[in-house]
C-alpha atoms as a PDB file:
ATOM      1  CA  MET A   1       4.293  11.809  63.946  1.00  0.00           C
ATOM      2  CA  PHE A   2       2.572  14.010  66.511  1.00  0.00           C
ATOM      3  CA  LYS A   3       2.166  13.677  70.265  1.00  0.00           C
ATOM      4  CA  ASN A   4      -1.286  15.287  69.940  1.00  0.00           C
ATOM      5  CA  ASP A   5      -3.862  12.603  69.102  1.00  0.00           C
ATOM      6  CA  PHE A   6      -6.005  15.045  67.025  1.00  0.00           C
ATOM      7  CA  LEU A   7      -3.070  16.157  64.884  1.00  0.00           C
ATOM      8  CA  GLU A   8      -1.917  12.609  64.499  1.00  0.00           C
ATOM      9  CA  SER A   9      -5.415  11.610  63.210  1.00  0.00           C
ATOM     10  CA  LEU A  10      -5.206  14.236  60.483  1.00  0.00           C
ATOM     11  CA  THR A  11      -2.187  12.450  59.002  1.00  0.00           C
ATOM     12  CA  LYS A  12      -4.028   9.163  58.505  1.00  0.00           C
ATOM     13  CA  VAL A  13      -6.764   8.319  56.016  1.00  0.00           C
ATOM     14  CA  HIS A  14      -8.467   5.229  54.512  1.00  0.00           C
ATOM     15  CA  PHE A  15      -7.950   4.886  50.778  1.00  0.00           C
ATOM     16  CA  THR A  16     -11.710   5.322  50.064  1.00  0.00           C
ATOM     17  CA  VAL A  17     -11.937   8.777  51.715  1.00  0.00           C
ATOM     18  CA  PRO A  18     -10.544  10.684  48.694  1.00  0.00           C
ATOM     19  CA  LEU A  19     -13.043   8.977  46.428  1.00  0.00           C
ATOM     20  CA  ILE A  20     -15.999   9.785  48.738  1.00  0.00           C
ATOM     21  CA  PHE A  21     -15.027  13.410  49.015  1.00  0.00           C
ATOM     22  CA  TRP A  22     -13.645  14.340  45.609  1.00  0.00           C
ATOM     23  CA  ILE A  23     -16.004  12.472  43.220  1.00  0.00           C
ATOM     24  CA  PRO A  24     -18.947  14.770  44.185  1.00  0.00           C
ATOM     25  CA  VAL A  25     -16.628  17.785  43.710  1.00  0.00           C
ATOM     26  CA  ILE A  26     -15.766  16.562  40.178  1.00  0.00           C
ATOM     27  CA  ILE A  27     -19.464  16.118  39.424  1.00  0.00           C
ATOM     28  CA  TYR A  28     -20.188  19.621  40.694  1.00  0.00           C
ATOM     29  CA  PHE A  29     -17.528  21.157  38.395  1.00  0.00           C
ATOM     30  CA  ILE A  30     -18.884  19.325  35.381  1.00  0.00           C
ATOM     31  CA  TRP A  31     -22.430  20.511  36.247  1.00  0.00           C
ATOM     32  CA  LYS A  32     -21.135  24.056  36.679  1.00  0.00           C
ATOM     33  CA  ALA A  33     -19.508  24.033  33.261  1.00  0.00           C
ATOM     34  CA  SER A  34     -22.662  22.627  31.639  1.00  0.00           C
ATOM     35  CA  ALA A  35     -25.606  24.089  33.535  1.00  0.00           C
ATOM     36  CA  GLN A  36     -24.172  27.435  34.558  1.00  0.00           C
ATOM     37  CA  GLY A  37     -21.552  27.944  31.836  1.00  0.00           C
ATOM     38  CA  GLY A  38     -23.626  26.597  28.934  1.00  0.00           C
ATOM     39  CA  MET A  39     -20.641  24.699  27.533  1.00  0.00           C
ATOM     40  CA  THR A  40     -21.256  21.929  25.048  1.00  0.00           C
ATOM     41  CA  ALA A  41     -20.567  18.320  25.938  1.00  0.00           C
ATOM     42  CA  GLY A  42     -17.717  18.298  23.348  1.00  0.00           C
ATOM     43  CA  ALA A  43     -16.075  21.391  24.865  1.00  0.00           C
ATOM     44  CA  ILE A  44     -16.404  20.052  28.390  1.00  0.00           C
ATOM     45  CA  ALA A  45     -14.822  16.733  27.298  1.00  0.00           C
ATOM     46  CA  LEU A  46     -11.887  18.440  25.604  1.00  0.00           C
ATOM     47  CA  TRP A  47     -11.078  20.665  28.612  1.00  0.00           C
ATOM     48  CA  PHE A  48     -11.676  17.696  30.933  1.00  0.00           C
ATOM     49  CA  ILE A  49      -9.181  15.560  29.020  1.00  0.00           C
ATOM     50  CA  PHE A  50      -6.729  18.481  28.984  1.00  0.00           C
ATOM     51  CA  GLY A  51      -7.001  18.760  32.766  1.00  0.00           C
ATOM     52  CA  LEU A  52      -6.543  14.972  33.160  1.00  0.00           C
ATOM     53  CA  ALA A  53      -3.425  15.064  31.001  1.00  0.00           C
ATOM     54  CA  PHE A  54      -2.062  18.182  32.760  1.00  0.00           C
ATOM     55  CA  TRP A  55      -2.345  16.359  36.101  1.00  0.00           C
ATOM     56  CA  THR A  56       0.356  13.887  35.019  1.00  0.00           C
ATOM     57  CA  LEU A  57       2.835  16.821  34.700  1.00  0.00           C
ATOM     58  CA  ALA A  58       1.661  18.380  37.992  1.00  0.00           C
ATOM     59  CA  GLU A  59       2.061  14.975  39.677  1.00  0.00           C
ATOM     60  CA  TYR A  60       5.672  14.730  38.440  1.00  0.00           C
ATOM     61  CA  VAL A  61       6.526  18.319  39.413  1.00  0.00           C
ATOM     62  CA  LEU A  62       5.018  18.020  42.889  1.00  0.00           C
ATOM     63  CA  HIS A  63       6.653  14.682  43.574  1.00  0.00           C
ATOM     64  CA  ARG A  64      10.095  15.594  42.285  1.00  0.00           C
ATOM     65  CA  TRP A  65      10.563  19.237  43.186  1.00  0.00           C
ATOM     66  CA  VAL A  66       8.201  19.724  46.167  1.00  0.00           C
ATOM     67  CA  PHE A  67       7.836  16.433  48.008  1.00  0.00           C
ATOM     68  CA  HIS A  68      11.497  15.511  47.409  1.00  0.00           C
ATOM     69  CA  TYR A  69      12.875  18.950  48.270  1.00  0.00           C
ATOM     70  CA  GLU A  70      14.804  18.562  51.511  1.00  0.00           C
ATOM     71  CA  PRO A  71      15.376  21.842  53.424  1.00  0.00           C
ATOM     72  CA  THR A  72      18.436  22.335  55.608  1.00  0.00           C
ATOM     73  CA  SER A  73      16.680  23.792  58.594  1.00  0.00           C
ATOM     74  CA  LYS A  74      15.328  21.485  61.343  1.00  0.00           C
ATOM     75  CA  PHE A  75      11.846  22.919  60.938  1.00  0.00           C
ATOM     76  CA  GLY A  76      11.981  22.445  57.191  1.00  0.00           C
ATOM     77  CA  GLN A  77      13.193  18.875  57.573  1.00  0.00           C
ATOM     78  CA  ARG A  78      10.314  18.229  59.962  1.00  0.00           C
ATOM     79  CA  VAL A  79       7.825  19.509  57.441  1.00  0.00           C
ATOM     80  CA  HIS A  80       9.427  17.408  54.707  1.00  0.00           C
ATOM     81  CA  PHE A  81       9.192  14.349  56.891  1.00  0.00           C
ATOM     82  CA  ILE A  82       5.490  14.976  57.663  1.00  0.00           C
ATOM     83  CA  PHE A  83       4.578  15.463  53.963  1.00  0.00           C
ATOM     84  CA  HIS A  84       6.672  12.775  52.303  1.00  0.00           C
ATOM     85  CA  GLY A  85       9.602  11.499  54.313  1.00  0.00           C
ATOM     86  CA  VAL A  86       7.385   9.368  56.475  1.00  0.00           C
ATOM     87  CA  HIS A  87       6.120   7.545  53.413  1.00  0.00           C
ATOM     88  CA  HIS A  88       9.654   6.566  52.380  1.00  0.00           C
ATOM     89  CA  ASP A  89      10.383   5.423  55.911  1.00  0.00           C
ATOM     90  CA  PHE A  90       7.150   3.430  56.221  1.00  0.00           C
ATOM     91  CA  PRO A  91       6.079   2.640  52.612  1.00  0.00           C
ATOM     92  CA  LYS A  92       3.610  -0.059  53.694  1.00  0.00           C
ATOM     93  CA  ASP A  93       1.593   2.032  56.122  1.00  0.00           C
ATOM     94  CA  ARG A  94      -1.934   1.642  54.741  1.00  0.00           C
ATOM     95  CA  LEU A  95      -3.209   4.817  56.345  1.00  0.00           C
ATOM     96  CA  ARG A  96      -0.525   7.056  54.856  1.00  0.00           C
ATOM     97  CA  LEU A  97      -0.624   6.040  51.171  1.00  0.00           C
ATOM     98  CA  VAL A  98      -3.300   8.513  49.978  1.00  0.00           C
ATOM     99  CA  MET A  99      -3.285  12.176  50.783  1.00  0.00           C
ATOM    100  CA  PRO A 100      -5.361  13.177  53.807  1.00  0.00           C
ATOM    101  CA  LEU A 101      -8.049  15.800  53.245  1.00  0.00           C
ATOM    102  CA  SER A 102      -6.212  18.023  55.706  1.00  0.00           C
ATOM    103  CA  ALA A 103      -3.536  18.373  53.014  1.00  0.00           C
ATOM    104  CA  SER A 104      -5.403  17.795  49.722  1.00  0.00           C
ATOM    105  CA  ILE A 105      -8.190  20.412  50.296  1.00  0.00           C
ATOM    106  CA  PRO A 106      -5.747  23.328  50.978  1.00  0.00           C
ATOM    107  CA  MET A 107      -3.489  22.199  48.130  1.00  0.00           C
ATOM    108  CA  ALA A 108      -6.400  21.911  45.672  1.00  0.00           C
ATOM    109  CA  THR A 109      -7.690  25.343  46.774  1.00  0.00           C
ATOM    110  CA  ILE A 110      -4.317  26.982  46.136  1.00  0.00           C
ATOM    111  CA  ILE A 111      -3.936  25.267  42.750  1.00  0.00           C
ATOM    112  CA  TYR A 112      -7.488  26.264  41.723  1.00  0.00           C
ATOM    113  CA  ILE A 113      -6.762  29.910  42.605  1.00  0.00           C
ATOM    114  CA  LEU A 114      -3.537  29.800  40.554  1.00  0.00           C
ATOM    115  CA  PHE A 115      -5.368  28.296  37.588  1.00  0.00           C
ATOM    116  CA  SER A 116      -8.080  31.013  37.852  1.00  0.00           C
ATOM    117  CA  PHE A 117      -5.512  33.554  36.612  1.00  0.00           C
ATOM    118  CA  PHE A 118      -5.209  31.646  33.338  1.00  0.00           C
ATOM    119  CA  PHE A 119      -8.677  30.189  32.662  1.00  0.00           C
ATOM    120  CA  ALA A 120     -12.210  31.615  32.366  1.00  0.00           C
ATOM    121  CA  GLU A 121     -14.535  30.522  35.126  1.00  0.00           C
ATOM    122  CA  PHE A 122     -16.474  27.836  33.343  1.00  0.00           C
ATOM    123  CA  THR A 123     -13.564  26.578  31.278  1.00  0.00           C
ATOM    124  CA  LEU A 124     -11.697  26.178  34.517  1.00  0.00           C
ATOM    125  CA  ALA A 125     -14.576  24.168  35.920  1.00  0.00           C
ATOM    126  CA  ALA A 126     -14.323  21.588  33.100  1.00  0.00           C
ATOM    127  CA  PHE A 127     -10.478  21.616  33.229  1.00  0.00           C
ATOM    128  CA  PHE A 128     -10.296  21.295  36.989  1.00  0.00           C
ATOM    129  CA  ALA A 129     -12.755  18.395  36.999  1.00  0.00           C
ATOM    130  CA  GLY A 130     -10.342  16.444  34.810  1.00  0.00           C
ATOM    131  CA  PHE A 131      -7.406  17.606  36.895  1.00  0.00           C
ATOM    132  CA  LEU A 132      -9.092  16.307  40.042  1.00  0.00           C
ATOM    133  CA  LEU A 133      -9.831  12.949  38.366  1.00  0.00           C
ATOM    134  CA  GLY A 134      -6.139  12.678  37.525  1.00  0.00           C
ATOM    135  CA  TYR A 135      -5.350  13.280  41.178  1.00  0.00           C
ATOM    136  CA  LEU A 136      -7.763  10.554  42.257  1.00  0.00           C
ATOM    137  CA  ILE A 137      -6.218   8.111  39.773  1.00  0.00           C
ATOM    138  CA  TYR A 138      -2.782   8.983  41.210  1.00  0.00           C
ATOM    139  CA  ASP A 139      -3.932   8.556  44.816  1.00  0.00           C
ATOM    140  CA  GLU A 140      -5.714   5.233  44.300  1.00  0.00           C
ATOM    141  CA  SER A 141      -2.942   3.915  41.997  1.00  0.00           C
ATOM    142  CA  HIS A 142      -0.404   4.788  44.654  1.00  0.00           C
ATOM    143  CA  TYR A 143      -2.285   2.743  47.206  1.00  0.00           C
ATOM    144  CA  ALA A 144      -2.504  -0.152  44.700  1.00  0.00           C
ATOM    145  CA  MET A 145       1.210   0.047  43.899  1.00  0.00           C
ATOM    146  CA  HIS A 146       1.983  -0.776  47.526  1.00  0.00           C
ATOM    147  CA  HIS A 147      -0.702  -3.306  48.342  1.00  0.00           C
ATOM    148  CA  ALA A 148      -1.977  -4.949  45.137  1.00  0.00           C
ATOM    149  CA  ASN A 149      -0.198  -7.892  43.568  1.00  0.00           C
ATOM    150  CA  PHE A 150      -0.137  -7.422  39.813  1.00  0.00           C
ATOM    151  CA  LYS A 151       1.084 -10.382  37.821  1.00  0.00           C
ATOM    152  CA  SER A 152       1.444  -8.704  34.430  1.00  0.00           C
ATOM    153  CA  GLY A 153       0.362  -5.867  32.211  1.00  0.00           C
ATOM    154  CA  LEU A 154       0.408  -2.062  32.560  1.00  0.00           C
ATOM    155  CA  PHE A 155      -0.180  -1.936  36.289  1.00  0.00           C
ATOM    156  CA  LYS A 156       2.717  -4.344  36.961  1.00  0.00           C
ATOM    157  CA  ARG A 157       5.018  -2.100  34.955  1.00  0.00           C
ATOM    158  CA  ILE A 158       3.827   0.961  36.854  1.00  0.00           C
ATOM    159  CA  LYS A 159       4.255  -0.822  40.183  1.00  0.00           C
ATOM    160  CA  ASP A 160       7.774  -2.001  39.223  1.00  0.00           C
ATOM    161  CA  HIS A 161       8.639   1.577  38.327  1.00  0.00           C
ATOM    162  CA  HIS A 162       7.431   2.906  41.694  1.00  0.00           C
ATOM    163  CA  MET A 163       9.074   0.140  43.669  1.00  0.00           C
ATOM    164  CA  LEU A 164      12.404   1.056  42.034  1.00  0.00           C
ATOM    165  CA  HIS A 165      11.806   4.629  43.293  1.00  0.00           C
ATOM    166  CA  HIS A 166      11.414   3.365  46.804  1.00  0.00           C
ATOM    167  CA  TYR A 167      13.956   0.580  46.991  1.00  0.00           C
ATOM    168  CA  SER A 168      16.569   1.347  44.341  1.00  0.00           C
ATOM    169  CA  ASP A 169      16.947   5.112  43.783  1.00  0.00           C
ATOM    170  CA  PRO A 170      14.602   7.692  45.354  1.00  0.00           C
ATOM    171  CA  GLU A 171      16.113  10.359  43.039  1.00  0.00           C
ATOM    172  CA  LYS A 172      14.586   8.666  40.003  1.00  0.00           C
ATOM    173  CA  GLY A 173      11.146   7.461  38.993  1.00  0.00           C
ATOM    174  CA  PHE A 174       9.007  10.358  40.158  1.00  0.00           C
ATOM    175  CA  GLY A 175       5.951   9.415  38.088  1.00  0.00           C
ATOM    176  CA  VAL A 176       3.439   7.290  39.976  1.00  0.00           C
ATOM    177  CA  SER A 177       0.342   6.975  37.808  1.00  0.00           C
ATOM    178  CA  SER A 178       2.470   7.403  34.670  1.00  0.00           C
ATOM    179  CA  SER A 179       6.150   7.239  33.846  1.00  0.00           C
ATOM    180  CA  ILE A 180       5.882   9.442  30.746  1.00  0.00           C
ATOM    181  CA  TRP A 181       7.497  12.534  32.328  1.00  0.00           C
ATOM    182  CA  ASP A 182      10.346  10.453  33.697  1.00  0.00           C
ATOM    183  CA  VAL A 183      11.053   9.595  30.064  1.00  0.00           C
ATOM    184  CA  PHE A 184      10.780  13.270  29.013  1.00  0.00           C
ATOM    185  CA  PHE A 185      12.995  14.576  31.903  1.00  0.00           C
ATOM    186  CA  ASN A 186      15.344  11.547  31.723  1.00  0.00           C
ATOM    187  CA  SER A 187      14.766  10.591  35.337  1.00  0.00           C
ATOM    188  CA  GLY A 188      13.624   7.028  34.705  1.00  0.00           C
ATOM    189  CA  PHE A 189      15.345   3.687  35.270  1.00  0.00           C
ATOM    190  CA  PRO A 190      17.400   1.853  32.628  1.00  0.00           C
ATOM    191  CA  LYS A 191      15.423  -0.924  30.993  1.00  0.00           C
ATOM    192  CA  LYS A 192      16.563  -4.389  31.887  1.00  0.00           C
ATOM    193  CA  LYS A 193      18.277  -6.147  29.004  1.00  0.00           C
ATOM    194  CA  SER A 194      16.730  -9.330  27.898  1.00  0.00           C
ATOM    195  CA  ALA A 195      18.752 -12.621  28.063  1.00  0.00           C
ATOM    196  CA  LYS A 196      18.771 -12.729  24.258  1.00  0.00           C
ATOM    197  CA  SER A 197      20.227  -9.177  23.899  1.00  0.00           C
ATOM    198  CA  VAL A 198      22.866  -9.850  26.538  1.00  0.00           C
ATOM    199  CA  LYS A 199      23.903 -13.052  24.701  1.00  0.00           C
ATOM    200  CA  THR A 200      24.042 -11.201  21.411  1.00  0.00           C
ATOM    201  CA  GLU A 201      26.266  -8.475  22.932  1.00  0.00           C
ATOM    202  CA  LYS A 202      28.558 -11.126  24.383  1.00  0.00           C
ATOM    203  CA  LEU A 203      28.918 -12.980  21.106  1.00  0.00           C
ATOM    204  CA  THR A 204      29.621  -9.669  19.291  1.00  0.00           C
ATOM    205  CA  GLN A 205      32.295  -8.735  21.820  1.00  0.00           C
ATOM    206  CA  GLU A 206      33.933 -12.151  21.604  1.00  0.00           C
ATOM    207  CA  SER A 207      33.909 -11.864  17.798  1.00  0.00           C
ATOM    208  CA  VAL A 208      35.618  -8.496  17.916  1.00  0.00           C
ATOM    209  CA  GLU A 209      38.231  -9.749  20.411  1.00  0.00           C
ATOM    210  CA  ASN A 210      38.970 -12.817  18.256  1.00  0.00           C
ATOM    211  CA  SER A 211      39.268 -10.855  14.991  1.00  0.00           C
END
């Protein structure tokens, strides 16, 4: 993406790097809420779960209205390509499936500052720990969606949902770790009809036509 080797290296990252960097940060925020803020384990758990759940909405909003926003200017289009367009052009690139620290650290800092206007310091620590865990689940799930072979179960359904986003309609299916907000905002994909339901509909239609 860049002619400069250093800048190019900032766009690539192994899928383990976010885990190595952000897990200690999550532990720090939990320690801060407990040791410095004196919050109870129950209070920390509640705010942590709230942050984790809130991430699913943030993930949807970022993916749909930030990463998929396509500016008209050449510079804007270049920025869009760097942040997300390259992933749609090369969805199997192993080194561009999780967010590099060069992007995730500034983004997390900005989001933390925005949250600080709405939460008290130690409450924010517990909330943001859950929010960051949600981000890690998203990042690692995204890698798995492209390179793991799920035969059945929840992860197969999530992978199928994301593959439809890539190969069927990129203007639908913005949830990666969860499709719940696609349901809420009506941006999901129609469910495939079972052979039985198709047969029933056909028999009903034939019955109506023959009556």
